[in-house]
Amino acid sequence: MTNEPIELGAALASFDALWSPRIVTRINDYDVRVAKVAGEHVWHTHEGTDEFFLVLEGELDIALREQEDGAQRVVTLPKGAVFVVPRGVPHKPSSAAGASILMFEPSGTSTVGDRHDPVPGHVDATTGHPLGSV
């Protein structure tokens, strides 16, 4: 990590891979990650942590499965919107036109959670890549 300011636009411009987050910095035991996304991710659940999303560009949809009855709903996040997926809630991010997002997650958290559907080839199952790598 660096002790210099990080310009998020430049960080996002440094890579092209979709659904493959880059760690721009850390705060306490949390990664601050940025990612470019388009199409669909995978249904997954983080059993032990909430997941914070901030849309920097574009629009992000997050499908959620309610725990009580399994009903689904979709939360749409336009540019500048934030949303927290509570721990234990199955969810599936997607973006029809593409988006750039920022996420806060405990360091070491997998992008596909603790439980997930089969991971398609376009989704990087990772704990994040350092900015400037891969």
Protein backbone atom coordinates (compact mmCIF):
# COMPACT_ATOMS: atom_id res chain seq x y z
CA MET A 1 0.00 0.00 0.00
CA THR A 2 1.06 3.58 -0.49
CA ASN A 3 1.10 6.56 1.82
CA GLU A 4 0.12 8.83 -1.09
CA PRO A 5 -3.40 9.79 -2.20
CA ILE A 6 -5.04 7.38 -4.63
CA GLU A 7 -7.15 8.78 -7.46
CA LEU A 8 -9.91 6.24 -8.04
CA GLY A 9 -10.32 7.10 -11.74
CA ALA A 10 -6.65 6.36 -12.33
CA ALA A 11 -6.90 3.16 -10.28
CA LEU A 12 -9.82 1.96 -12.41
CA ALA A 13 -8.03 2.94 -15.63
CA SER A 14 -5.09 0.71 -14.66
CA PHE A 15 -6.94 -2.55 -15.41
CA ASP A 16 -9.63 -3.93 -17.72
CA ALA A 17 -10.68 -7.23 -16.14
CA LEU A 18 -14.34 -7.50 -15.13
CA TRP A 19 -15.45 -8.90 -11.77
CA SER A 20 -11.80 -8.88 -10.63
CA PRO A 21 -11.41 -6.34 -7.81
CA ARG A 22 -8.23 -4.43 -7.06
CA ILE A 23 -7.29 -3.47 -3.50
CA VAL A 24 -6.58 0.25 -3.51
CA THR A 25 -5.89 0.57 0.21
CA ARG A 26 -6.60 -0.97 3.61
CA ILE A 27 -8.16 0.52 6.71
CA ASN A 28 -7.81 -1.44 9.93
CA ASP A 29 -8.63 -5.02 8.87
CA TYR A 30 -10.66 -4.01 5.79
CA ASP A 31 -9.80 -3.85 2.10
CA VAL A 32 -11.04 -0.96 0.01
CA ARG A 33 -11.55 -2.56 -3.40
CA VAL A 34 -12.54 -1.18 -6.79
CA ALA A 35 -13.93 -3.27 -9.63
CA LYS A 36 -15.30 -2.97 -13.11
CA VAL A 37 -18.42 -5.05 -13.63
CA ALA A 38 -20.71 -5.98 -16.52
CA GLY A 39 -23.19 -8.79 -16.93
CA GLU A 40 -23.94 -11.06 -13.99
CA HIS A 41 -21.84 -12.20 -11.03
CA VAL A 42 -22.89 -15.36 -9.17
CA TRP A 43 -25.37 -16.02 -6.37
CA HIS A 44 -23.30 -16.08 -3.19
CA THR A 45 -23.44 -15.51 0.55
CA HIS A 46 -20.96 -14.02 3.01
CA GLU A 47 -21.80 -15.77 6.28
CA GLY A 48 -19.63 -13.66 8.57
CA THR A 49 -19.61 -10.15 7.12
CA ASP A 50 -21.76 -7.45 5.60
CA GLU A 51 -20.74 -6.20 2.14
CA PHE A 52 -20.64 -2.46 1.31
CA PHE A 53 -21.11 -1.22 -2.27
CA LEU A 54 -20.65 2.31 -3.68
CA VAL A 55 -21.34 2.87 -7.37
CA LEU A 56 -18.70 5.17 -8.87
CA GLU A 57 -19.94 5.00 -12.50
CA GLY A 58 -22.89 3.35 -14.20
CA GLU A 59 -25.63 1.42 -12.44
CA LEU A 60 -25.52 -1.77 -10.37
CA ASP A 61 -28.38 -4.15 -9.60
CA ILE A 62 -28.17 -6.44 -6.59
CA ALA A 63 -30.64 -9.30 -6.45
CA LEU A 64 -31.36 -10.45 -2.89
CA ARG A 65 -33.02 -13.61 -1.57
CA GLU A 66 -34.98 -12.99 1.58
CA GLN A 67 -34.13 -15.45 4.34
CA GLU A 68 -37.65 -15.92 5.69
CA ASP A 69 -39.48 -16.98 2.53
CA GLY A 70 -36.84 -17.13 -0.22
CA ALA A 71 -38.55 -14.32 -2.12
CA GLN A 72 -36.30 -12.25 -4.35
CA ARG A 73 -36.05 -8.51 -4.78
CA VAL A 74 -33.65 -6.32 -6.74
CA VAL A 75 -32.03 -3.18 -5.40
CA THR A 76 -30.89 -0.77 -8.15
CA LEU A 77 -27.97 1.51 -7.33
CA PRO A 78 -27.32 4.50 -9.60
CA LYS A 79 -24.01 6.39 -9.65
CA GLY A 80 -23.25 7.73 -6.18
CA ALA A 81 -25.53 5.31 -4.33
CA VAL A 82 -24.42 3.03 -1.49
CA PHE A 83 -25.93 -0.20 -0.22
CA VAL A 84 -24.98 -2.79 2.37
CA VAL A 85 -25.85 -6.45 1.86
CA PRO A 86 -26.27 -7.87 5.37
CA ARG A 87 -24.23 -10.91 6.34
CA GLY A 88 -25.88 -14.19 5.51
CA VAL A 89 -28.09 -12.79 2.73
CA PRO A 90 -27.71 -14.53 -0.65
CA HIS A 91 -27.13 -11.94 -3.35
CA LYS A 92 -26.14 -11.60 -7.00
CA PRO A 93 -24.75 -8.32 -8.36
CA SER A 94 -25.22 -7.49 -12.04
CA SER A 95 -24.93 -4.57 -14.43
CA ALA A 96 -26.50 -4.59 -17.88
CA ALA A 97 -24.52 -1.60 -19.22
CA GLY A 98 -21.47 -1.92 -16.96
CA ALA A 99 -20.40 -0.09 -13.82
CA SER A 100 -17.44 0.77 -11.64
CA ILE A 101 -17.85 0.05 -7.95
CA LEU A 102 -16.03 0.47 -4.64
CA MET A 103 -16.42 -2.12 -1.89
CA PHE A 104 -15.38 -2.39 1.76
CA GLU A 105 -14.77 -5.95 2.94
CA PRO A 106 -12.68 -7.58 5.65
CA SER A 107 -9.25 -8.45 4.25
CA GLY A 108 -9.25 -11.99 2.89
CA THR A 109 -12.96 -12.02 1.99
CA SER A 110 -13.65 -14.04 -1.15
CA THR A 111 -15.51 -12.37 -3.99
CA VAL A 112 -17.75 -15.43 -4.19
CA GLY A 113 -18.43 -15.64 -0.48
CA ASP A 114 -18.60 -18.71 1.72
CA ARG A 115 -21.41 -20.39 -0.23
CA HIS A 116 -22.03 -19.88 -3.94
CA ASP A 117 -23.44 -21.30 -7.15
CA PRO A 118 -20.95 -22.65 -9.69
CA VAL A 119 -18.56 -19.84 -10.61
CA PRO A 120 -18.67 -18.88 -14.30
CA GLY A 121 -15.42 -18.27 -16.15
CA HIS A 122 -15.92 -14.48 -16.32
CA VAL A 123 -15.97 -14.13 -12.51
CA ASP A 124 -12.63 -13.98 -10.69
CA ALA A 125 -12.96 -15.96 -7.43
CA THR A 126 -10.35 -14.02 -5.47
CA THR A 127 -9.68 -12.19 -2.24
CA GLY A 128 -8.68 -9.18 -4.35
CA HIS A 129 -5.57 -8.28 -6.28
CA PRO A 130 -3.17 -5.51 -5.27
CA LEU A 131 -3.57 -2.43 -7.45
CA GLY A 132 -1.13 -2.63 -10.34
CA SER A 133 -1.05 -6.44 -10.49
CA VAL A 134 -2.56 -9.04 -12.86
